[in-house]
Amino acid sequence: MPIVRGPPAPWRKVRALVITYFVLFNVLAALPTVGTASAQRLERPFEQAELRRWAELLQAMGIDMSPTELARAYLSFASAVERAHAALLVPIEWWMSLTQTAQSWRLFGTPDQHASVLRITAHSAGGDDVLYETANPARRWNAALLEYRRIRAAYNPSRSGPPPTFAGLSERLGEQIFESMPHVERVTVSLIQSRIPLPGEHADPAREEAHVLELARRAR
């Protein structure tokens, strides 16, 4: 059996140093941060309620701190963590910029104030038919696909709206409906938004249809 020799000892050390360098800084880059601190965000009703709740918990532990003081302390802490995290990644910024592999993992302390429901409606001469609606057991068209976690990411909105993939996914769903349902003339894909009540509040019955996309069957 031939003997396979590894690289010379000096090269093994260099290789080990290179691997250690990238592993170390990739671990640092993957550490979750608290996100960008924003005084404006802390003024929203949900965040104000959270600040009051945490202030009450601290007071019960003997730490006298008002919600305003707690907000200032959080903003200072979050800014310091963000600056420290950015400083630690300076030695590898060149590599992440060159390879476009930068990715931040930010924790979120509060949920979105609105919940969204995906609704797909088929329009024909016979009327309108809601084919799919999130969490509606009677509207389950293509539910296995639409509720798969990677597909949900293509339409679940953030505070700034649906992701860029929402339009492309909607067009593809429309094509599937037109192919399988010859009587359908138009398809509407939309997100139905509702407000999440704060603890102690009554549920808000208001629903708003947002981000509506109308798809028409192509003429043959």
N, C-alpha and C. Protein backbone atom coordinates (compact mmCIF):
# COMPACT_ATOMS: atom_id res chain seq x y z
N MET A 1 0.85 -1.20 0.00
CA MET A 1 0.00 0.00 0.00
C MET A 1 0.89 1.25 0.00
N PRO A 2 0.63 2.18 -0.95
CA PRO A 2 1.45 3.40 -0.95
C PRO A 2 1.14 4.25 0.28
N ILE A 3 2.11 4.93 0.76
CA ILE A 3 1.95 5.81 1.93
C ILE A 3 1.61 7.21 1.44
N VAL A 4 0.47 7.70 1.88
CA VAL A 4 0.02 9.05 1.50
C VAL A 4 0.49 10.01 2.58
N ARG A 5 1.34 10.91 2.19
CA ARG A 5 1.86 11.86 3.16
C ARG A 5 1.08 13.17 3.08
N GLY A 6 0.84 13.78 4.22
CA GLY A 6 0.16 15.05 4.26
C GLY A 6 1.11 16.18 3.91
N PRO A 7 0.63 17.38 3.90
CA PRO A 7 1.49 18.52 3.58
C PRO A 7 2.57 18.68 4.65
N PRO A 8 3.67 19.35 4.31
CA PRO A 8 4.73 19.57 5.29
C PRO A 8 4.19 20.25 6.55
N ALA A 9 4.87 20.04 7.64
CA ALA A 9 4.42 20.58 8.93
C ALA A 9 4.13 22.08 8.89
N PRO A 10 4.98 22.92 8.28
CA PRO A 10 4.66 24.37 8.26
C PRO A 10 3.34 24.68 7.57
N TRP A 11 3.05 23.97 6.48
CA TRP A 11 1.80 24.22 5.77
C TRP A 11 0.60 23.76 6.58
N ARG A 12 0.77 22.70 7.36
CA ARG A 12 -0.33 22.25 8.23
C ARG A 12 -0.67 23.33 9.25
N LYS A 13 0.36 23.99 9.76
CA LYS A 13 0.13 25.06 10.73
C LYS A 13 -0.58 26.25 10.08
N VAL A 14 -0.14 26.58 8.86
CA VAL A 14 -0.79 27.69 8.15
C VAL A 14 -2.26 27.36 7.87
N ARG A 15 -2.48 26.12 7.41
CA ARG A 15 -3.86 25.70 7.14
C ARG A 15 -4.72 25.75 8.40
N ALA A 16 -4.16 25.30 9.51
CA ALA A 16 -4.90 25.33 10.78
C ALA A 16 -5.22 26.76 11.20
N LEU A 17 -4.26 27.67 10.98
CA LEU A 17 -4.49 29.07 11.34
C LEU A 17 -5.59 29.69 10.47
N VAL A 18 -5.58 29.37 9.17
CA VAL A 18 -6.61 29.91 8.27
C VAL A 18 -8.00 29.39 8.65
N ILE A 19 -8.08 28.08 8.92
CA ILE A 19 -9.36 27.49 9.32
C ILE A 19 -9.85 28.10 10.63
N THR A 20 -8.93 28.24 11.59
CA THR A 20 -9.31 28.83 12.88
C THR A 20 -9.79 30.26 12.71
N TYR A 21 -9.11 31.01 11.85
CA TYR A 21 -9.50 32.41 11.60
C TYR A 21 -10.94 32.50 11.13
N PHE A 22 -11.28 31.71 10.11
CA PHE A 22 -12.62 31.81 9.55
C PHE A 22 -13.68 31.21 10.47
N VAL A 23 -13.36 30.13 11.15
CA VAL A 23 -14.32 29.54 12.08
C VAL A 23 -14.62 30.52 13.22
N LEU A 24 -13.56 31.12 13.77
CA LEU A 24 -13.74 32.05 14.89
C LEU A 24 -14.64 33.21 14.51
N PHE A 25 -14.35 33.85 13.37
CA PHE A 25 -15.12 35.03 13.01
C PHE A 25 -16.50 34.68 12.47
N ASN A 26 -16.67 33.49 11.93
CA ASN A 26 -18.02 33.08 11.55
C ASN A 26 -18.88 32.83 12.79
N VAL A 27 -18.28 32.29 13.84
CA VAL A 27 -19.01 32.12 15.11
C VAL A 27 -19.40 33.48 15.66
N LEU A 28 -18.47 34.43 15.62
CA LEU A 28 -18.78 35.78 16.11
C LEU A 28 -19.89 36.43 15.28
N ALA A 29 -19.85 36.22 13.96
CA ALA A 29 -20.88 36.80 13.09
C ALA A 29 -22.24 36.18 13.34
N ALA A 30 -22.25 34.90 13.77
CA ALA A 30 -23.51 34.21 13.98
C ALA A 30 -24.12 34.48 15.35
N LEU A 31 -23.39 35.16 16.22
CA LEU A 31 -23.96 35.47 17.53
C LEU A 31 -25.15 36.41 17.37
N PRO A 32 -26.28 36.11 18.01
CA PRO A 32 -27.44 37.00 17.89
C PRO A 32 -27.20 38.32 18.60
N THR A 33 -27.75 39.38 18.03
CA THR A 33 -27.65 40.70 18.64
C THR A 33 -29.06 41.18 18.98
N VAL A 34 -29.11 42.29 19.68
CA VAL A 34 -30.42 42.82 20.10
C VAL A 34 -31.06 43.67 19.02
N GLY A 35 -30.38 43.87 17.90
CA GLY A 35 -30.97 44.66 16.83
C GLY A 35 -30.67 46.14 16.99
N THR A 36 -31.12 46.91 16.04
CA THR A 36 -30.88 48.34 16.06
C THR A 36 -31.80 49.02 17.06
N ALA A 37 -31.22 49.73 18.02
CA ALA A 37 -32.02 50.41 19.03
C ALA A 37 -32.75 51.59 18.41
N SER A 38 -34.00 51.79 18.82
CA SER A 38 -34.82 52.86 18.26
C SER A 38 -35.73 53.43 19.34
N ALA A 39 -35.52 54.71 19.67
CA ALA A 39 -36.38 55.37 20.65
C ALA A 39 -37.81 55.48 20.13
N GLN A 40 -37.96 55.67 18.81
CA GLN A 40 -39.31 55.79 18.22
C GLN A 40 -40.07 54.48 18.39
N ARG A 41 -39.39 53.36 18.22
CA ARG A 41 -40.07 52.07 18.35
C ARG A 41 -40.56 51.85 19.78
N LEU A 42 -39.80 52.32 20.74
CA LEU A 42 -40.20 52.14 22.14
C LEU A 42 -41.38 53.01 22.53
N GLU A 43 -41.78 53.94 21.68
CA GLU A 43 -42.93 54.78 21.97
C GLU A 43 -44.25 54.12 21.57
N ARG A 44 -44.20 53.00 20.87
CA ARG A 44 -45.43 52.35 20.44
C ARG A 44 -46.14 51.71 21.63
N PRO A 45 -47.49 51.55 21.54
CA PRO A 45 -48.25 51.05 22.69
C PRO A 45 -47.77 49.70 23.22
N PHE A 46 -47.45 48.77 22.32
CA PHE A 46 -47.04 47.45 22.78
C PHE A 46 -45.74 47.54 23.57
N GLU A 47 -44.76 48.28 23.05
CA GLU A 47 -43.49 48.42 23.74
C GLU A 47 -43.64 49.16 25.06
N GLN A 48 -44.53 50.17 25.07
CA GLN A 48 -44.78 50.89 26.32
C GLN A 48 -45.35 49.96 27.39
N ALA A 49 -46.26 49.08 26.97
CA ALA A 49 -46.83 48.11 27.92
C ALA A 49 -45.77 47.15 28.43
N GLU A 50 -44.86 46.73 27.55
CA GLU A 50 -43.78 45.85 27.96
C GLU A 50 -42.83 46.54 28.94
N LEU A 51 -42.52 47.81 28.67
CA LEU A 51 -41.65 48.55 29.58
C LEU A 51 -42.27 48.68 30.96
N ARG A 52 -43.58 48.94 31.00
CA ARG A 52 -44.25 49.03 32.30
C ARG A 52 -44.22 47.69 33.02
N ARG A 53 -44.43 46.61 32.28
CA ARG A 53 -44.44 45.28 32.90
C ARG A 53 -43.07 44.94 33.48
N TRP A 54 -42.01 45.23 32.72
CA TRP A 54 -40.67 44.93 33.21
C TRP A 54 -40.27 45.85 34.36
N ALA A 55 -40.72 47.09 34.31
CA ALA A 55 -40.44 48.00 35.43
C ALA A 55 -41.09 47.50 36.71
N GLU A 56 -42.31 46.98 36.59
CA GLU A 56 -42.99 46.43 37.76
C GLU A 56 -42.27 45.19 38.30
N LEU A 57 -41.75 44.35 37.39
CA LEU A 57 -41.00 43.17 37.82
C LEU A 57 -39.72 43.58 38.54
N LEU A 58 -39.03 44.59 38.02
CA LEU A 58 -37.81 45.06 38.67
C LEU A 58 -38.09 45.67 40.04
N GLN A 59 -39.19 46.42 40.12
CA GLN A 59 -39.57 47.01 41.41
C GLN A 59 -39.90 45.94 42.43
N ALA A 60 -40.52 44.84 41.99
CA ALA A 60 -40.81 43.74 42.90
C ALA A 60 -39.53 43.08 43.42
N MET A 61 -38.44 43.23 42.66
CA MET A 61 -37.15 42.68 43.07
C MET A 61 -36.32 43.70 43.83
N GLY A 62 -36.91 44.88 44.09
CA GLY A 62 -36.21 45.90 44.84
C GLY A 62 -35.41 46.87 44.01
N ILE A 63 -35.57 46.82 42.69
CA ILE A 63 -34.86 47.75 41.80
C ILE A 63 -35.84 48.81 41.35
N ASP A 64 -35.64 50.02 41.84
CA ASP A 64 -36.58 51.11 41.54
C ASP A 64 -36.18 51.76 40.21
N MET A 65 -36.94 51.47 39.18
CA MET A 65 -36.65 52.01 37.85
C MET A 65 -37.96 52.25 37.12
N SER A 66 -38.15 53.45 36.62
CA SER A 66 -39.37 53.79 35.90
C SER A 66 -39.29 53.26 34.47
N PRO A 67 -40.43 53.16 33.77
CA PRO A 67 -40.38 52.73 32.37
C PRO A 67 -39.49 53.61 31.51
N THR A 68 -39.48 54.92 31.76
CA THR A 68 -38.63 55.82 30.99
C THR A 68 -37.15 55.53 31.23
N GLU A 69 -36.79 55.31 32.49
CA GLU A 69 -35.40 54.99 32.82
C GLU A 69 -35.00 53.64 32.23
N LEU A 70 -35.93 52.71 32.26
CA LEU A 70 -35.65 51.39 31.69
C LEU A 70 -35.43 51.49 30.18
N ALA A 71 -36.23 52.32 29.51
CA ALA A 71 -36.06 52.52 28.07
C ALA A 71 -34.69 53.11 27.76
N ARG A 72 -34.27 54.11 28.54
CA ARG A 72 -32.96 54.71 28.30
C ARG A 72 -31.84 53.70 28.53
N ALA A 73 -31.99 52.88 29.58
CA ALA A 73 -30.97 51.87 29.87
C ALA A 73 -30.89 50.84 28.74
N TYR A 74 -32.06 50.44 28.23
CA TYR A 74 -32.07 49.47 27.14
C TYR A 74 -31.41 50.05 25.89
N LEU A 75 -31.73 51.30 25.56
CA LEU A 75 -31.15 51.92 24.36
C LEU A 75 -29.63 52.00 24.48
N SER A 76 -29.13 52.34 25.65
CA SER A 76 -27.68 52.42 25.86
C SER A 76 -27.05 51.04 25.73
N PHE A 77 -27.68 50.04 26.34
CA PHE A 77 -27.16 48.68 26.28
C PHE A 77 -27.16 48.15 24.85
N ALA A 78 -28.29 48.33 24.14
CA ALA A 78 -28.40 47.82 22.78
C ALA A 78 -27.39 48.49 21.86
N SER A 79 -27.18 49.79 22.01
CA SER A 79 -26.21 50.49 21.17
C SER A 79 -24.79 50.00 21.45
N ALA A 80 -24.47 49.76 22.74
CA ALA A 80 -23.13 49.28 23.09
C ALA A 80 -22.90 47.89 22.52
N VAL A 81 -23.90 47.01 22.61
CA VAL A 81 -23.76 45.66 22.07
C VAL A 81 -23.57 45.70 20.56
N GLU A 82 -24.32 46.55 19.88
CA GLU A 82 -24.21 46.64 18.42
C GLU A 82 -22.84 47.15 18.01
N ARG A 83 -22.32 48.15 18.73
CA ARG A 83 -20.98 48.68 18.40
C ARG A 83 -19.90 47.63 18.66
N ALA A 84 -20.03 46.91 19.78
CA ALA A 84 -19.03 45.88 20.11
C ALA A 84 -19.05 44.75 19.08
N HIS A 85 -20.24 44.36 18.66
CA HIS A 85 -20.36 43.29 17.67
C HIS A 85 -19.74 43.71 16.34
N ALA A 86 -20.00 44.95 15.94
CA ALA A 86 -19.43 45.45 14.69
C ALA A 86 -17.91 45.54 14.77
N ALA A 87 -17.39 45.96 15.92
CA ALA A 87 -15.94 46.08 16.08
C ALA A 87 -15.26 44.71 16.01
N LEU A 88 -15.90 43.69 16.57
CA LEU A 88 -15.32 42.35 16.55
C LEU A 88 -15.22 41.79 15.13
N LEU A 89 -16.12 42.24 14.25
CA LEU A 89 -16.16 41.69 12.89
C LEU A 89 -15.31 42.47 11.89
N VAL A 90 -14.64 43.52 12.35
CA VAL A 90 -13.81 44.32 11.44
C VAL A 90 -12.77 43.47 10.70
N PRO A 91 -12.07 42.53 11.37
CA PRO A 91 -11.04 41.77 10.64
C PRO A 91 -11.56 40.88 9.52
N ILE A 92 -12.86 40.60 9.49
CA ILE A 92 -13.38 39.72 8.45
C ILE A 92 -14.37 40.44 7.52
N GLU A 93 -14.51 41.74 7.70
CA GLU A 93 -15.44 42.49 6.85
C GLU A 93 -15.07 42.36 5.38
N TRP A 94 -13.77 42.37 5.09
CA TRP A 94 -13.33 42.29 3.70
C TRP A 94 -13.81 41.01 3.03
N TRP A 95 -13.77 39.91 3.80
CA TRP A 95 -14.17 38.62 3.24
C TRP A 95 -15.69 38.55 3.04
N MET A 96 -16.45 39.02 4.01
CA MET A 96 -17.91 39.00 3.89
C MET A 96 -18.38 39.91 2.76
N SER A 97 -17.67 41.03 2.57
CA SER A 97 -18.02 41.93 1.47
C SER A 97 -17.67 41.30 0.12
N LEU A 98 -16.52 40.63 0.04
CA LEU A 98 -16.09 40.01 -1.21
C LEU A 98 -17.00 38.86 -1.61
N THR A 99 -17.40 38.05 -0.64
CA THR A 99 -18.20 36.85 -0.93
C THR A 99 -19.70 37.06 -0.75
N GLN A 100 -20.07 38.26 -0.28
CA GLN A 100 -21.50 38.56 -0.03
C GLN A 100 -22.12 37.52 0.91
N THR A 101 -21.40 37.18 1.96
CA THR A 101 -21.87 36.17 2.90
C THR A 101 -22.23 36.75 4.26
N ALA A 102 -22.35 38.05 4.36
CA ALA A 102 -22.72 38.65 5.65
C ALA A 102 -24.16 38.31 5.98
N GLN A 103 -24.40 37.95 7.21
CA GLN A 103 -25.76 37.65 7.66
C GLN A 103 -25.85 37.94 9.14
N SER A 104 -26.84 38.73 9.53
CA SER A 104 -27.02 39.05 10.94
C SER A 104 -28.14 38.21 11.52
N TRP A 105 -28.00 37.89 12.79
CA TRP A 105 -29.02 37.12 13.50
C TRP A 105 -29.50 38.00 14.65
N ARG A 106 -30.58 38.69 14.42
CA ARG A 106 -31.05 39.64 15.42
C ARG A 106 -32.23 39.06 16.18
N LEU A 107 -32.14 39.15 17.50
CA LEU A 107 -33.25 38.74 18.33
C LEU A 107 -34.33 39.81 18.28
N PHE A 108 -35.56 39.43 18.52
CA PHE A 108 -36.63 40.42 18.59
C PHE A 108 -37.30 40.28 19.95
N GLY A 109 -37.52 41.41 20.60
CA GLY A 109 -38.10 41.40 21.94
C GLY A 109 -39.60 41.51 21.95
N THR A 110 -40.17 41.99 20.86
CA THR A 110 -41.62 42.17 20.80
C THR A 110 -42.13 41.67 19.46
N PRO A 111 -43.31 41.09 19.43
CA PRO A 111 -43.86 40.61 18.16
C PRO A 111 -44.45 41.75 17.34
N ASP A 112 -44.80 41.44 16.11
CA ASP A 112 -45.47 42.42 15.27
C ASP A 112 -46.85 42.71 15.86
N GLN A 113 -47.35 43.92 15.62
CA GLN A 113 -48.65 44.30 16.16
C GLN A 113 -49.81 43.80 15.31
N HIS A 114 -49.50 43.22 14.15
CA HIS A 114 -50.54 42.75 13.26
C HIS A 114 -50.30 41.30 12.84
N ALA A 115 -51.37 40.56 12.71
CA ALA A 115 -51.32 39.20 12.19
C ALA A 115 -51.86 39.22 10.76
N SER A 116 -51.33 38.35 9.93
CA SER A 116 -51.74 38.32 8.52
C SER A 116 -52.24 36.94 8.13
N VAL A 117 -53.28 36.92 7.33
CA VAL A 117 -53.87 35.70 6.81
C VAL A 117 -53.79 35.74 5.29
N LEU A 118 -53.24 34.69 4.69
CA LEU A 118 -53.19 34.61 3.25
C LEU A 118 -54.54 34.14 2.73
N ARG A 119 -55.08 34.85 1.74
CA ARG A 119 -56.36 34.47 1.13
C ARG A 119 -56.21 34.42 -0.38
N ILE A 120 -56.67 33.33 -0.97
CA ILE A 120 -56.63 33.17 -2.42
C ILE A 120 -58.06 32.96 -2.90
N THR A 121 -58.52 33.83 -3.77
CA THR A 121 -59.90 33.80 -4.24
C THR A 121 -59.95 33.63 -5.75
N ALA A 122 -60.79 32.70 -6.19
CA ALA A 122 -60.99 32.47 -7.62
C ALA A 122 -62.29 33.14 -8.05
N HIS A 123 -62.25 33.88 -9.15
CA HIS A 123 -63.42 34.60 -9.66
C HIS A 123 -63.83 33.99 -11.00
N SER A 124 -65.09 33.66 -11.12
CA SER A 124 -65.62 33.09 -12.36
C SER A 124 -67.02 33.63 -12.60
N ALA A 125 -67.63 33.21 -13.70
CA ALA A 125 -68.99 33.65 -14.01
C ALA A 125 -69.97 33.19 -12.94
N GLY A 126 -69.65 32.13 -12.23
CA GLY A 126 -70.52 31.61 -11.20
C GLY A 126 -70.37 32.30 -9.85
N GLY A 127 -69.41 33.21 -9.73
CA GLY A 127 -69.22 33.93 -8.48
C GLY A 127 -67.79 33.80 -7.97
N ASP A 128 -67.60 34.20 -6.72
CA ASP A 128 -66.28 34.18 -6.09
C ASP A 128 -66.16 32.98 -5.16
N ASP A 129 -64.99 32.34 -5.18
CA ASP A 129 -64.77 31.16 -4.35
C ASP A 129 -63.41 31.31 -3.67
N VAL A 130 -63.43 31.40 -2.33
CA VAL A 130 -62.19 31.47 -1.57
C VAL A 130 -61.60 30.07 -1.51
N LEU A 131 -60.49 29.87 -2.22
CA LEU A 131 -59.87 28.55 -2.29
C LEU A 131 -59.04 28.24 -1.06
N TYR A 132 -58.29 29.23 -0.62
CA TYR A 132 -57.41 29.02 0.54
C TYR A 132 -57.47 30.23 1.46
N GLU A 133 -57.47 29.94 2.76
CA GLU A 133 -57.38 30.99 3.77
C GLU A 133 -56.67 30.40 4.98
N THR A 134 -55.63 31.07 5.42
CA THR A 134 -54.83 30.56 6.53
C THR A 134 -55.69 30.23 7.73
N ALA A 135 -55.50 29.03 8.28
CA ALA A 135 -56.17 28.56 9.51
C ALA A 135 -57.66 28.35 9.33
N ASN A 136 -58.14 28.34 8.09
CA ASN A 136 -59.56 28.09 7.84
C ASN A 136 -59.69 26.64 7.34
N PRO A 137 -60.27 25.75 8.16
CA PRO A 137 -60.34 24.33 7.78
C PRO A 137 -61.20 24.06 6.55
N ALA A 138 -62.04 25.02 6.17
CA ALA A 138 -62.90 24.83 5.00
C ALA A 138 -62.26 25.35 3.71
N ARG A 139 -61.12 26.04 3.82
CA ARG A 139 -60.45 26.62 2.65
C ARG A 139 -59.03 26.08 2.60
N ARG A 140 -58.85 24.91 2.01
CA ARG A 140 -57.58 24.20 2.13
C ARG A 140 -56.91 23.92 0.79
N TRP A 141 -57.23 24.65 -0.25
CA TRP A 141 -56.62 24.39 -1.55
C TRP A 141 -55.09 24.52 -1.44
N ASN A 142 -54.38 23.48 -1.86
CA ASN A 142 -52.92 23.48 -1.91
C ASN A 142 -52.29 23.81 -0.55
N ALA A 143 -52.97 23.43 0.53
CA ALA A 143 -52.52 23.80 1.88
C ALA A 143 -51.16 23.20 2.22
N ALA A 144 -50.90 21.96 1.76
CA ALA A 144 -49.62 21.32 2.08
C ALA A 144 -48.45 22.15 1.57
N LEU A 145 -48.60 22.75 0.40
CA LEU A 145 -47.55 23.60 -0.15
C LEU A 145 -47.51 24.95 0.55
N LEU A 146 -48.67 25.59 0.69
CA LEU A 146 -48.72 26.95 1.22
C LEU A 146 -48.32 27.02 2.69
N GLU A 147 -48.45 25.93 3.41
CA GLU A 147 -48.11 25.94 4.83
C GLU A 147 -46.73 25.36 5.11
N TYR A 148 -46.02 24.99 4.06
CA TYR A 148 -44.63 24.55 4.23
C TYR A 148 -43.80 25.76 4.63
N ARG A 149 -42.90 25.57 5.59
CA ARG A 149 -42.22 26.71 6.20
C ARG A 149 -41.44 27.56 5.19
N ARG A 150 -40.85 26.94 4.19
CA ARG A 150 -40.09 27.73 3.22
C ARG A 150 -41.01 28.51 2.28
N ILE A 151 -42.18 27.99 2.04
CA ILE A 151 -43.15 28.71 1.20
C ILE A 151 -43.79 29.84 2.01
N ARG A 152 -44.06 29.60 3.29
CA ARG A 152 -44.62 30.68 4.12
C ARG A 152 -43.70 31.90 4.13
N ALA A 153 -42.39 31.64 4.11
CA ALA A 153 -41.45 32.75 4.11
C ALA A 153 -41.54 33.60 2.85
N ALA A 154 -42.14 33.06 1.79
CA ALA A 154 -42.27 33.79 0.53
C ALA A 154 -43.44 34.76 0.54
N TYR A 155 -44.34 34.65 1.53
CA TYR A 155 -45.47 35.59 1.57
C TYR A 155 -45.73 36.21 2.94
N ASN A 156 -45.17 35.65 4.01
CA ASN A 156 -45.40 36.23 5.32
C ASN A 156 -44.80 37.63 5.37
N PRO A 157 -45.58 38.65 5.73
CA PRO A 157 -45.06 40.02 5.71
C PRO A 157 -44.28 40.35 6.98
N SER A 158 -43.44 41.35 6.87
CA SER A 158 -42.78 41.95 8.02
C SER A 158 -43.45 43.30 8.27
N ARG A 159 -42.88 44.10 9.14
CA ARG A 159 -43.46 45.43 9.40
C ARG A 159 -43.44 46.31 8.16
N SER A 160 -42.51 46.04 7.25
CA SER A 160 -42.40 46.86 6.04
C SER A 160 -43.22 46.31 4.88
N GLY A 161 -43.92 45.18 5.09
CA GLY A 161 -44.75 44.62 4.03
C GLY A 161 -44.28 43.22 3.64
N PRO A 162 -44.91 42.63 2.62
CA PRO A 162 -44.55 41.28 2.19
C PRO A 162 -43.17 41.26 1.54
N PRO A 163 -42.51 40.09 1.52
CA PRO A 163 -41.19 40.00 0.89
C PRO A 163 -41.28 40.15 -0.62
N PRO A 164 -40.15 40.39 -1.29
CA PRO A 164 -40.15 40.56 -2.74
C PRO A 164 -40.68 39.34 -3.49
N THR A 165 -40.64 38.17 -2.85
CA THR A 165 -41.08 36.94 -3.50
C THR A 165 -42.60 36.79 -3.54
N PHE A 166 -43.31 37.69 -2.87
CA PHE A 166 -44.77 37.57 -2.79
C PHE A 166 -45.41 37.64 -4.17
N ALA A 167 -44.96 38.57 -4.99
CA ALA A 167 -45.56 38.74 -6.33
C ALA A 167 -45.30 37.52 -7.20
N GLY A 168 -44.06 37.02 -7.20
CA GLY A 168 -43.74 35.85 -8.02
C GLY A 168 -44.50 34.61 -7.58
N LEU A 169 -44.63 34.41 -6.27
CA LEU A 169 -45.39 33.27 -5.77
C LEU A 169 -46.85 33.39 -6.16
N SER A 170 -47.40 34.58 -6.06
CA SER A 170 -48.81 34.80 -6.42
C SER A 170 -49.05 34.48 -7.88
N GLU A 171 -48.13 34.90 -8.75
CA GLU A 171 -48.29 34.61 -10.18
C GLU A 171 -48.25 33.11 -10.44
N ARG A 172 -47.36 32.42 -9.75
CA ARG A 172 -47.28 30.97 -9.95
C ARG A 172 -48.54 30.27 -9.46
N LEU A 173 -49.07 30.70 -8.33
CA LEU A 173 -50.32 30.12 -7.82
C LEU A 173 -51.47 30.39 -8.79
N GLY A 174 -51.49 31.59 -9.36
CA GLY A 174 -52.52 31.91 -10.33
C GLY A 174 -52.44 31.01 -11.55
N GLU A 175 -51.23 30.76 -12.02
CA GLU A 175 -51.06 29.86 -13.17
C GLU A 175 -51.59 28.45 -12.87
N GLN A 176 -51.30 27.96 -11.66
CA GLN A 176 -51.80 26.63 -11.28
C GLN A 176 -53.32 26.59 -11.27
N ILE A 177 -53.93 27.64 -10.76
CA ILE A 177 -55.40 27.67 -10.69
C ILE A 177 -55.99 27.73 -12.10
N PHE A 178 -55.42 28.57 -12.95
CA PHE A 178 -55.94 28.68 -14.32
C PHE A 178 -55.80 27.36 -15.07
N GLU A 179 -54.69 26.63 -14.83
CA GLU A 179 -54.49 25.36 -15.51
C GLU A 179 -55.46 24.28 -15.05
N SER A 180 -55.74 24.26 -13.75
CA SER A 180 -56.58 23.19 -13.19
C SER A 180 -58.07 23.54 -13.14
N MET A 181 -58.39 24.82 -13.29
CA MET A 181 -59.79 25.25 -13.21
C MET A 181 -60.10 26.12 -14.42
N PRO A 182 -60.51 25.53 -15.52
CA PRO A 182 -60.74 26.29 -16.76
C PRO A 182 -61.81 27.36 -16.65
N HIS A 183 -62.73 27.23 -15.70
CA HIS A 183 -63.82 28.20 -15.58
C HIS A 183 -63.40 29.48 -14.87
N VAL A 184 -62.25 29.47 -14.21
CA VAL A 184 -61.80 30.64 -13.44
C VAL A 184 -61.26 31.70 -14.40
N GLU A 185 -61.74 32.94 -14.21
CA GLU A 185 -61.32 34.05 -15.08
C GLU A 185 -60.26 34.93 -14.43
N ARG A 186 -60.38 35.11 -13.11
CA ARG A 186 -59.42 35.94 -12.38
C ARG A 186 -59.10 35.28 -11.04
N VAL A 187 -57.94 35.65 -10.50
CA VAL A 187 -57.51 35.17 -9.18
C VAL A 187 -57.03 36.37 -8.37
N THR A 188 -57.46 36.43 -7.13
CA THR A 188 -56.99 37.47 -6.21
C THR A 188 -56.19 36.82 -5.09
N VAL A 189 -54.98 37.30 -4.89
CA VAL A 189 -54.15 36.87 -3.77
C VAL A 189 -53.94 38.08 -2.88
N SER A 190 -54.29 37.94 -1.60
CA SER A 190 -54.19 39.08 -0.70
C SER A 190 -53.83 38.63 0.71
N LEU A 191 -53.44 39.58 1.53
CA LEU A 191 -53.14 39.34 2.93
C LEU A 191 -54.17 40.09 3.78
N ILE A 192 -54.89 39.36 4.61
CA ILE A 192 -55.91 39.95 5.47
C ILE A 192 -55.26 40.23 6.82
N GLN A 193 -55.19 41.49 7.19
CA GLN A 193 -54.49 41.89 8.40
C GLN A 193 -55.47 42.21 9.52
N SER A 194 -55.07 41.83 10.73
CA SER A 194 -55.85 42.16 11.93
C SER A 194 -54.87 42.59 13.01
N ARG A 195 -55.37 43.36 13.94
CA ARG A 195 -54.51 43.87 15.02
C ARG A 195 -54.49 42.88 16.17
N ILE A 196 -53.30 42.61 16.69
CA ILE A 196 -53.15 41.72 17.85
C ILE A 196 -53.42 42.54 19.11
N PRO A 197 -54.39 42.14 19.92
CA PRO A 197 -54.69 42.93 21.12
C PRO A 197 -53.60 42.81 22.17
N LEU A 198 -53.43 43.87 22.93
CA LEU A 198 -52.50 43.85 24.05
C LEU A 198 -53.09 43.03 25.19
N PRO A 199 -52.28 42.55 26.12
CA PRO A 199 -52.82 41.80 27.26
C PRO A 199 -53.88 42.61 27.99
N GLY A 200 -55.03 42.00 28.21
CA GLY A 200 -56.13 42.68 28.89
C GLY A 200 -57.10 43.38 27.96
N GLU A 201 -56.75 43.51 26.69
CA GLU A 201 -57.64 44.15 25.72
C GLU A 201 -58.56 43.12 25.08
N HIS A 202 -59.71 43.62 24.60
CA HIS A 202 -60.62 42.77 23.85
C HIS A 202 -60.11 42.62 22.41
N ALA A 203 -60.42 41.50 21.82
CA ALA A 203 -59.99 41.26 20.44
C ALA A 203 -60.61 42.29 19.51
N ASP A 204 -59.81 42.77 18.58
CA ASP A 204 -60.27 43.76 17.61
C ASP A 204 -60.86 43.02 16.41
N PRO A 205 -62.16 43.19 16.13
CA PRO A 205 -62.78 42.45 15.03
C PRO A 205 -62.45 43.00 13.65
N ALA A 206 -61.84 44.17 13.58
CA ALA A 206 -61.57 44.80 12.29
C ALA A 206 -60.58 43.97 11.48
N ARG A 207 -60.86 43.84 10.19
CA ARG A 207 -59.98 43.14 9.26
C ARG A 207 -59.75 44.02 8.05
N GLU A 208 -58.52 44.05 7.58
CA GLU A 208 -58.18 44.88 6.43
C GLU A 208 -57.51 44.02 5.37
N GLU A 209 -58.03 44.09 4.15
CA GLU A 209 -57.42 43.38 3.03
C GLU A 209 -56.32 44.24 2.45
N ALA A 210 -55.09 43.76 2.57
CA ALA A 210 -53.94 44.55 2.13
C ALA A 210 -53.10 43.75 1.14
N HIS A 211 -52.25 44.48 0.42
CA HIS A 211 -51.32 43.86 -0.52
C HIS A 211 -52.06 42.94 -1.50
N VAL A 212 -53.07 43.49 -2.15
CA VAL A 212 -53.92 42.73 -3.06
C VAL A 212 -53.28 42.64 -4.43
N LEU A 213 -53.20 41.42 -4.95
CA LEU A 213 -52.72 41.19 -6.31
C LEU A 213 -53.82 40.54 -7.13
N GLU A 214 -54.16 41.18 -8.25
CA GLU A 214 -55.19 40.67 -9.16
C GLU A 214 -54.52 40.03 -10.36
N LEU A 215 -54.86 38.78 -10.63
CA LEU A 215 -54.28 38.04 -11.74
C LEU A 215 -55.39 37.64 -12.71
N ALA A 216 -55.20 37.92 -13.98
CA ALA A 216 -56.20 37.59 -14.99
C ALA A 216 -55.69 36.49 -15.91
N ARG A 217 -56.62 35.66 -16.37
CA ARG A 217 -56.25 34.59 -17.30
C ARG A 217 -55.76 35.23 -18.62
N ARG A 218 -54.67 34.71 -19.11
CA ARG A 218 -54.11 35.23 -20.34
C ARG A 218 -54.96 34.78 -21.53
N ALA A 219 -55.13 35.70 -22.46
CA ALA A 219 -55.90 35.37 -23.66
C ALA A 219 -55.11 34.41 -24.53
N ARG A 220 -55.83 33.46 -25.11
CA ARG A 220 -55.19 32.44 -25.96
C ARG A 220 -55.37 32.81 -27.44
